[in-house]
C-alpha atoms as a PDB file:
ATOM      1  CA  UNK A   1       0.000   0.000   0.000  1.00  0.00           C
ATOM      2  CA  UNK A   2       1.297   3.452  -0.884  1.00  0.00           C
ATOM      3  CA  UNK A   3       2.238   6.020   1.711  1.00  0.00           C
ATOM      4  CA  UNK A   4       0.287   9.227   1.054  1.00  0.00           C
ATOM      5  CA  UNK A   5       1.175  12.102   3.374  1.00  0.00           C
ATOM      6  CA  UNK A   6      -1.717  14.119   4.694  1.00  0.00           C
ATOM      7  CA  UNK A   7      -2.073  17.862   4.213  1.00  0.00           C
ATOM      8  CA  UNK A   8      -1.045  18.311   7.864  1.00  0.00           C
ATOM      9  CA  UNK A   9       2.078  16.214   7.281  1.00  0.00           C
ATOM     10  CA  UNK A  10       3.042  18.387   4.309  1.00  0.00           C
ATOM     11  CA  UNK A  11       2.504  21.547   6.380  1.00  0.00           C
ATOM     12  CA  UNK A  12       4.665  20.071   9.132  1.00  0.00           C
ATOM     13  CA  UNK A  13       7.445  19.361   6.621  1.00  0.00           C
ATOM     14  CA  UNK A  14       7.276  22.924   5.318  1.00  0.00           C
ATOM     15  CA  UNK A  15       7.494  24.165   8.908  1.00  0.00           C
ATOM     16  CA  UNK A  16      10.658  22.099   9.403  1.00  0.00           C
ATOM     17  CA  UNK A  17      12.176  23.700   6.290  1.00  0.00           C
ATOM     18  CA  UNK A  18      11.123  27.208   7.344  1.00  0.00           C
ATOM     19  CA  UNK A  19      12.350  26.872  10.926  1.00  0.00           C
ATOM     20  CA  UNK A  20      15.670  25.412   9.811  1.00  0.00           C
ATOM     21  CA  UNK A  21      16.171  28.198   7.237  1.00  0.00           C
ATOM     22  CA  UNK A  22      15.328  30.823   9.839  1.00  0.00           C
ATOM     23  CA  UNK A  23      17.704  29.269  12.375  1.00  0.00           C
ATOM     24  CA  UNK A  24      20.644  29.572   9.974  1.00  0.00           C
ATOM     25  CA  UNK A  25      19.435  32.869   8.441  1.00  0.00           C
ATOM     26  CA  UNK A  26      19.032  31.322   5.003  1.00  0.00           C
ATOM     27  CA  UNK A  27      16.760  32.558   2.208  1.00  0.00           C
ATOM     28  CA  UNK A  28      14.856  29.771   0.487  1.00  0.00           C
ATOM     29  CA  UNK A  29      12.309  30.127  -2.325  1.00  0.00           C
ATOM     30  CA  UNK A  30       8.902  28.459  -2.348  1.00  0.00           C
ATOM     31  CA  UNK A  31       9.772  26.097  -5.198  1.00  0.00           C
ATOM     32  CA  UNK A  32      12.673  24.650  -3.223  1.00  0.00           C
ATOM     33  CA  UNK A  33      10.618  24.481  -0.024  1.00  0.00           C
ATOM     34  CA  UNK A  34       7.868  22.517  -1.775  1.00  0.00           C
ATOM     35  CA  UNK A  35      10.384  20.262  -3.548  1.00  0.00           C
ATOM     36  CA  UNK A  36      11.890  19.329  -0.199  1.00  0.00           C
ATOM     37  CA  UNK A  37       8.473  18.579   1.291  1.00  0.00           C
ATOM     38  CA  UNK A  38       7.358  16.535  -1.724  1.00  0.00           C
ATOM     39  CA  UNK A  39      10.560  14.557  -2.004  1.00  0.00           C
ATOM     40  CA  UNK A  40      10.409  13.865   1.736  1.00  0.00           C
ATOM     41  CA  UNK A  41       7.002  12.231   1.153  1.00  0.00           C
ATOM     42  CA  UNK A  42       5.843  12.655   4.739  1.00  0.00           C
ATOM     43  CA  UNK A  43       9.120  11.600   6.369  1.00  0.00           C
ATOM     44  CA  UNK A  44      10.472  14.337   8.689  1.00  0.00           C
ATOM     45  CA  UNK A  45      13.854  12.594   8.979  1.00  0.00           C
ATOM     46  CA  UNK A  46      14.417  13.012   5.255  1.00  0.00           C
ATOM     47  CA  UNK A  47      13.353  16.685   5.445  1.00  0.00           C
ATOM     48  CA  UNK A  48      15.867  17.329   8.232  1.00  0.00           C
ATOM     49  CA  UNK A  49      18.623  15.530   6.352  1.00  0.00           C
ATOM     50  CA  UNK A  50      17.951  17.338   3.076  1.00  0.00           C
ATOM     51  CA  UNK A  51      17.861  20.727   4.825  1.00  0.00           C
ATOM     52  CA  UNK A  52      21.123  19.954   6.602  1.00  0.00           C
ATOM     53  CA  UNK A  53      22.806  19.018   3.313  1.00  0.00           C
ATOM     54  CA  UNK A  54      21.286  22.047   1.561  1.00  0.00           C
ATOM     55  CA  UNK A  55      22.450  24.622   4.079  1.00  0.00           C
ATOM     56  CA  UNK A  56      25.927  23.087   4.268  1.00  0.00           C
ATOM     57  CA  UNK A  57      26.088  23.201   0.469  1.00  0.00           C
ATOM     58  CA  UNK A  58      25.307  26.933   0.485  1.00  0.00           C
ATOM     59  CA  UNK A  59      27.797  27.537   3.293  1.00  0.00           C
ATOM     60  CA  UNK A  60      30.564  25.533   1.603  1.00  0.00           C
ATOM     61  CA  UNK A  61      29.926  27.172  -1.771  1.00  0.00           C
ATOM     62  CA  UNK A  62      32.361  29.953  -0.882  1.00  0.00           C
ATOM     63  CA  UNK A  63      30.040  32.624  -2.219  1.00  0.00           C
ATOM     64  CA  UNK A  64      29.024  35.371   0.157  1.00  0.00           C
ATOM     65  CA  UNK A  65      25.347  34.547   0.032  1.00  0.00           C
ATOM     66  CA  UNK A  66      22.694  33.240   2.328  1.00  0.00           C
ATOM     67  CA  UNK A  67      20.238  32.392  -0.436  1.00  0.00           C
ATOM     68  CA  UNK A  68      19.590  28.890  -1.738  1.00  0.00           C
ATOM     69  CA  UNK A  69      20.117  28.601  -5.507  1.00  0.00           C
ATOM     70  CA  UNK A  70      18.908  25.744  -7.756  1.00  0.00           C
ATOM     71  CA  UNK A  71      22.473  24.446  -8.029  1.00  0.00           C
ATOM     72  CA  UNK A  72      22.667  24.186  -4.231  1.00  0.00           C
ATOM     73  CA  UNK A  73      19.501  22.108  -4.178  1.00  0.00           C
ATOM     74  CA  UNK A  74      20.845  19.736  -6.838  1.00  0.00           C
ATOM     75  CA  UNK A  75      24.101  19.180  -4.938  1.00  0.00           C
ATOM     76  CA  UNK A  76      22.252  18.796  -1.626  1.00  0.00           C
ATOM     77  CA  UNK A  77      19.832  16.281  -3.104  1.00  0.00           C
ATOM     78  CA  UNK A  78      22.719  14.247  -4.462  1.00  0.00           C
ATOM     79  CA  UNK A  79      24.492  14.414  -1.075  1.00  0.00           C
ATOM     80  CA  UNK A  80      21.285  13.424   0.718  1.00  0.00           C
ATOM     81  CA  UNK A  81      20.830  10.404  -1.500  1.00  0.00           C
ATOM     82  CA  UNK A  82      24.441   9.466  -0.763  1.00  0.00           C
ATOM     83  CA  UNK A  83      23.678   9.608   2.965  1.00  0.00           C
ATOM     84  CA  UNK A  84      20.359   7.711   3.088  1.00  0.00           C
ATOM     85  CA  UNK A  85      19.813   4.081   3.956  1.00  0.00           C
ATOM     86  CA  UNK A  86      21.714   1.655   1.729  1.00  0.00           C
ATOM     87  CA  UNK A  87      18.608   0.015   0.227  1.00  0.00           C
ATOM     88  CA  UNK A  88      17.193   3.382  -0.850  1.00  0.00           C
ATOM     89  CA  UNK A  89      20.564   4.429  -2.172  1.00  0.00           C
ATOM     90  CA  UNK A  90      20.814   1.164  -4.086  1.00  0.00           C
ATOM     91  CA  UNK A  91      17.370   1.684  -5.675  1.00  0.00           C
ATOM     92  CA  UNK A  92      18.261   5.242  -6.719  1.00  0.00           C
ATOM     93  CA  UNK A  93      21.628   4.137  -8.099  1.00  0.00           C
ATOM     94  CA  UNK A  94      20.048   1.237 -10.004  1.00  0.00           C
ATOM     95  CA  UNK A  95      17.455   3.585 -11.454  1.00  0.00           C
ATOM     96  CA  UNK A  96      20.043   6.122 -12.577  1.00  0.00           C
ATOM     97  CA  UNK A  97      23.032   3.873 -13.305  1.00  0.00           C
ATOM     98  CA  UNK A  98      22.909   4.113 -17.095  1.00  0.00           C
ATOM     99  CA  UNK A  99      22.727   7.669 -18.468  1.00  0.00           C
ATOM    100  CA  UNK A 100      22.927   8.929 -14.862  1.00  0.00           C
ATOM    101  CA  UNK A 101      22.368  12.632 -15.527  1.00  0.00           C
ATOM    102  CA  UNK A 102      19.367  11.953 -17.798  1.00  0.00           C
ATOM    103  CA  UNK A 103      17.671   9.729 -15.255  1.00  0.00           C
ATOM    104  CA  UNK A 104      18.450  11.996 -12.295  1.00  0.00           C
ATOM    105  CA  UNK A 105      16.874  14.999 -13.964  1.00  0.00           C
ATOM    106  CA  UNK A 106      13.873  12.928 -15.004  1.00  0.00           C
ATOM    107  CA  UNK A 107      13.354  11.792 -11.406  1.00  0.00           C
ATOM    108  CA  UNK A 108      13.700  15.386 -10.209  1.00  0.00           C
ATOM    109  CA  UNK A 109      11.058  16.372 -12.760  1.00  0.00           C
ATOM    110  CA  UNK A 110       8.731  13.651 -11.484  1.00  0.00           C
ATOM    111  CA  UNK A 111       9.080  15.113  -7.967  1.00  0.00           C
ATOM    112  CA  UNK A 112       8.733  18.710  -9.176  1.00  0.00           C
ATOM    113  CA  UNK A 113       5.046  19.088  -8.349  1.00  0.00           C
ATOM    114  CA  UNK A 114       2.688  18.763  -5.432  1.00  0.00           C
ATOM    115  CA  UNK A 115       0.705  16.001  -7.165  1.00  0.00           C
ATOM    116  CA  UNK A 116       2.078  12.488  -6.812  1.00  0.00           C
ATOM    117  CA  UNK A 117       0.210  11.308  -9.923  1.00  0.00           C
ATOM    118  CA  UNK A 118       1.059  13.272 -13.064  1.00  0.00           C
ATOM    119  CA  UNK A 119       0.762  13.099 -16.811  1.00  0.00           C
ATOM    120  CA  UNK A 120       3.932  12.534 -18.741  1.00  0.00           C
ATOM    121  CA  UNK A 121       3.512  15.780 -20.704  1.00  0.00           C
ATOM    122  CA  UNK A 122       3.545  17.747 -17.427  1.00  0.00           C
ATOM    123  CA  UNK A 123       6.593  15.860 -16.195  1.00  0.00           C
ATOM    124  CA  UNK A 124       8.305  16.658 -19.500  1.00  0.00           C
ATOM    125  CA  UNK A 125       7.613  20.378 -18.979  1.00  0.00           C
ATOM    126  CA  UNK A 126       9.190  20.176 -15.511  1.00  0.00           C
ATOM    127  CA  UNK A 127      12.111  18.263 -16.991  1.00  0.00           C
ATOM    128  CA  UNK A 128      12.702  20.925 -19.663  1.00  0.00           C
ATOM    129  CA  UNK A 129      12.656  23.649 -16.982  1.00  0.00           C
ATOM    130  CA  UNK A 130      15.181  21.747 -14.856  1.00  0.00           C
ATOM    131  CA  UNK A 131      17.445  21.298 -17.888  1.00  0.00           C
ATOM    132  CA  UNK A 132      17.089  25.006 -18.682  1.00  0.00           C
ATOM    133  CA  UNK A 133      18.099  25.925 -15.116  1.00  0.00           C
ATOM    134  CA  UNK A 134      21.123  23.636 -15.415  1.00  0.00           C
ATOM    135  CA  UNK A 135      22.121  24.950 -18.836  1.00  0.00           C
ATOM    136  CA  UNK A 136      21.567  21.520 -20.424  1.00  0.00           C
ATOM    137  CA  UNK A 137      19.799  20.584 -23.622  1.00  0.00           C
ATOM    138  CA  UNK A 138      16.716  18.489 -22.730  1.00  0.00           C
ATOM    139  CA  UNK A 139      16.171  15.117 -24.344  1.00  0.00           C
ATOM    140  CA  UNK A 140      13.760  14.995 -27.260  1.00  0.00           C
ATOM    141  CA  UNK A 141      10.275  13.843 -26.223  1.00  0.00           C
ATOM    142  CA  UNK A 142      10.627  10.364 -27.724  1.00  0.00           C
ATOM    143  CA  UNK A 143      13.867   9.655 -25.844  1.00  0.00           C
ATOM    144  CA  UNK A 144      12.403  11.198 -22.653  1.00  0.00           C
ATOM    145  CA  UNK A 145       9.311   8.946 -22.932  1.00  0.00           C
ATOM    146  CA  UNK A 146      11.599   5.959 -23.441  1.00  0.00           C
ATOM    147  CA  UNK A 147      13.585   6.836 -20.300  1.00  0.00           C
ATOM    148  CA  UNK A 148      10.344   7.244 -18.316  1.00  0.00           C
ATOM    149  CA  UNK A 149       9.219   3.765 -19.390  1.00  0.00           C
ATOM    150  CA  UNK A 150      12.634   2.378 -18.482  1.00  0.00           C
ATOM    151  CA  UNK A 151      12.208   3.712 -14.939  1.00  0.00           C
ATOM    152  CA  UNK A 152       9.201   1.388 -14.578  1.00  0.00           C
ATOM    153  CA  UNK A 153      11.357  -1.660 -15.305  1.00  0.00           C
ATOM    154  CA  UNK A 154      13.089  -3.869 -12.766  1.00  0.00           C
ATOM    155  CA  UNK A 155      16.400  -2.995 -14.436  1.00  0.00           C
ATOM    156  CA  UNK A 156      15.891   0.543 -13.123  1.00  0.00           C
ATOM    157  CA  UNK A 157      14.626  -0.549  -9.690  1.00  0.00           C
ATOM    158  CA  UNK A 158      10.967  -0.100 -10.766  1.00  0.00           C
ATOM    159  CA  UNK A 159      11.250   3.358  -9.258  1.00  0.00           C
ATOM    160  CA  UNK A 160       8.211   4.661 -11.194  1.00  0.00           C
ATOM    161  CA  UNK A 161       4.747   3.212 -11.565  1.00  0.00           C
ATOM    162  CA  UNK A 162       2.662   3.842 -14.654  1.00  0.00           C
ATOM    163  CA  UNK A 163      -0.972   4.149 -13.568  1.00  0.00           C
ATOM    164  CA  UNK A 164      -2.613   4.586 -16.983  1.00  0.00           C
ATOM    165  CA  UNK A 165      -1.455   5.464 -20.466  1.00  0.00           C
ATOM    166  CA  UNK A 166       0.669   8.583 -19.962  1.00  0.00           C
ATOM    167  CA  UNK A 167       0.167   8.788 -16.161  1.00  0.00           C
ATOM    168  CA  UNK A 168       2.935   8.155 -13.608  1.00  0.00           C
END
């Protein structure tokens, strides 16, 4: 059975992010706040860990800033995945092993919305925006769709579930 966080759980996760950012005097935009809450999927431990990695990433960046940038989030997410339980790390690594950067950005795009069930065309729009922010050329739709289908396979840890034609 799937774990679906309640509205109250999502609010609690956002409060964790906000309180942590305030405690270290860090500016954090709403998109990043909501990404953290969504990726955490109701698990406060993951929210704490991701915030810790995020704020350390900003601090260690060497820039004189106290504002979270998209690049900080990407590094922090990678560092968080490196730090999580081995079985979760193994699933993520298996999912992204081949064409790592393609699959990572696709998974980020899947998590880039408050809805847990999304149409592939909407995920592709998120993916293109992420690539734009990273200065990368997005995959063509056909190759993107192929990668999405691959993420449903056991070879890629069955990390995605296709609910209906075009829905993930």
